[in-house]
Protein backbone atom coordinates (compact mmCIF):
# COMPACT_ATOMS: atom_id res chain seq x y z
CA UNK A 1 7.64 6.67 -6.75
CA UNK A 2 5.70 6.13 -9.98
CA UNK A 3 7.83 3.06 -10.67
CA UNK A 4 6.81 1.41 -7.41
CA UNK A 5 3.14 2.26 -8.07
CA UNK A 6 3.36 0.62 -11.49
CA UNK A 7 5.05 -2.49 -10.09
CA UNK A 8 2.55 -2.87 -7.26
CA UNK A 9 -0.49 -2.34 -9.50
CA UNK A 10 0.84 -4.92 -11.96
CA UNK A 11 0.50 -7.67 -9.34
CA UNK A 12 -2.33 -10.12 -9.96
CA UNK A 13 -5.59 -9.13 -8.30
CA UNK A 14 -4.51 -5.61 -7.29
CA UNK A 15 -7.13 -2.91 -7.90
CA UNK A 16 -5.32 0.10 -6.47
CA UNK A 17 -2.33 1.33 -4.48
CA UNK A 18 -1.78 4.34 -2.22
CA UNK A 19 1.75 5.22 -1.16
CA UNK A 20 3.20 7.92 1.04
CA UNK A 21 6.95 8.35 1.35
CA UNK A 22 8.14 11.12 3.62
CA UNK A 23 4.75 12.80 3.33
CA UNK A 24 4.66 12.77 -0.49
CA UNK A 25 1.52 10.89 -1.51
CA UNK A 26 0.62 9.15 -4.76
CA UNK A 27 -2.08 6.72 -5.73
CA UNK A 28 -3.13 4.62 -8.68
CA UNK A 29 -6.51 2.95 -9.10
CA UNK A 30 -6.93 0.52 -11.98
CA UNK A 31 -10.72 0.62 -12.09
CA UNK A 32 -12.77 3.48 -13.46
CA UNK A 33 -14.73 4.73 -10.47
CA UNK A 34 -16.91 7.76 -9.97
CA UNK A 35 -15.59 10.62 -7.84
CA UNK A 36 -17.76 9.69 -4.84
CA UNK A 37 -16.33 6.17 -4.65
CA UNK A 38 -12.77 7.47 -5.11
CA UNK A 39 -13.31 9.92 -2.25
CA UNK A 40 -14.68 7.13 -0.04
CA UNK A 41 -11.63 4.98 -0.79
CA UNK A 42 -9.33 7.89 0.08
CA UNK A 43 -11.18 8.26 3.39
CA UNK A 44 -10.73 4.54 4.12
CA UNK A 45 -7.00 4.78 3.37
CA UNK A 46 -6.59 7.89 5.52
CA UNK A 47 -8.56 6.28 8.35
CA UNK A 48 -6.45 3.12 8.21
CA UNK A 49 -3.28 5.18 8.32
CA UNK A 50 -4.56 7.20 11.28
CA UNK A 51 -5.37 4.04 13.24
CA UNK A 52 -1.80 2.81 13.08
CA UNK A 53 -0.13 6.23 13.03
CA UNK A 54 3.52 5.92 13.91
CA UNK A 55 3.35 2.16 14.41
CA UNK A 56 5.53 -0.06 12.26
CA UNK A 57 2.91 -2.62 11.36
CA UNK A 58 1.50 -4.74 8.57
CA UNK A 59 -2.26 -5.05 8.70
CA UNK A 60 -4.60 -7.01 6.46
CA UNK A 61 -8.30 -6.16 6.32
CA UNK A 62 -10.73 -8.40 4.47
CA UNK A 63 -14.18 -7.18 3.53
CA UNK A 64 -16.98 -8.97 1.71
CA UNK A 65 -15.46 -8.40 -1.74
CA UNK A 66 -12.06 -6.80 -1.15
CA UNK A 67 -8.80 -7.12 0.70
CA UNK A 68 -6.67 -4.22 1.95
CA UNK A 69 -3.03 -4.73 2.96
CA UNK A 70 -1.52 -1.85 4.91
CA UNK A 71 2.24 -1.57 5.46
CA UNK A 72 3.12 1.29 7.82
CA UNK A 73 6.77 2.18 8.29
CA UNK A 74 6.36 5.52 10.09
CA UNK A 75 3.73 8.22 10.51
CA UNK A 76 4.43 9.61 7.02
CA UNK A 77 5.61 6.51 5.13
CA UNK A 78 3.09 3.80 4.31
CA UNK A 79 1.69 1.66 1.49
CA UNK A 80 -1.92 0.53 1.14
CA UNK A 81 -2.77 -2.12 -1.47
CA UNK A 82 -6.37 -2.79 -2.49
CA UNK A 83 -6.99 -6.20 -4.05
CA UNK A 84 -9.85 -8.53 -4.86
CA UNK A 85 -11.04 -11.05 -2.29
CA UNK A 86 -9.96 -14.07 -4.34
CA UNK A 87 -6.22 -13.37 -4.15
CA UNK A 88 -3.91 -15.41 -1.96
CA UNK A 89 -3.03 -12.82 0.68
CA UNK A 90 0.19 -14.59 1.75
CA UNK A 91 1.58 -14.61 -1.79
CA UNK A 92 0.49 -11.01 -2.33
CA UNK A 93 2.23 -9.95 0.89
CA UNK A 94 5.45 -11.72 -0.17
CA UNK A 95 5.40 -10.05 -3.59
CA UNK A 96 4.76 -6.64 -2.02
CA UNK A 97 7.56 -7.16 0.52
CA UNK A 98 10.03 -7.96 -2.27
CA UNK A 99 9.06 -4.88 -4.28
CA UNK A 100 9.20 -2.60 -1.22
CA UNK A 101 12.53 -4.05 -0.10
CA UNK A 102 14.02 -3.37 -3.55
CA UNK A 103 12.59 0.15 -3.54
CA UNK A 104 13.93 1.03 -0.11
CA UNK A 105 17.28 -0.67 -0.84
CA UNK A 106 17.69 1.50 -3.94
CA UNK A 107 16.80 4.56 -1.86
CA UNK A 108 18.53 3.52 1.34
CA UNK A 109 20.30 6.83 1.79
CA UNK A 110 16.85 8.25 2.52
CA UNK A 111 15.42 5.24 4.31
CA UNK A 112 18.18 3.66 6.39
CA UNK A 113 15.87 3.33 9.38
CA UNK A 114 13.42 0.97 7.66
CA UNK A 115 14.08 -2.73 8.06
CA UNK A 116 12.37 -5.68 6.47
CA UNK A 117 12.30 -9.24 7.63
């Protein structure tokens, strides 16, 4: 899972990534933030995941300065990418889809039920 975190955070404009696969959670934030801000970001990620719990959905949320892309595959498998507002969200989504497809293809014995378009 660390490999996918590294690949996703290496994309242009990405500030942080949260991933949960089968309930195992990992995150990587590229900016040095104080603990209060990190906790608030974790709350945002958890809230976003709760909103779409169990739904297979891709959701983009744009704020004044940031963009969040949420890919939910099941109630315990999701990816949240935090990027700057200036990124091209369509290109970012394509790059993320390719990385996730490769990851799940390499681990398809565990994730046969996930399909990508």
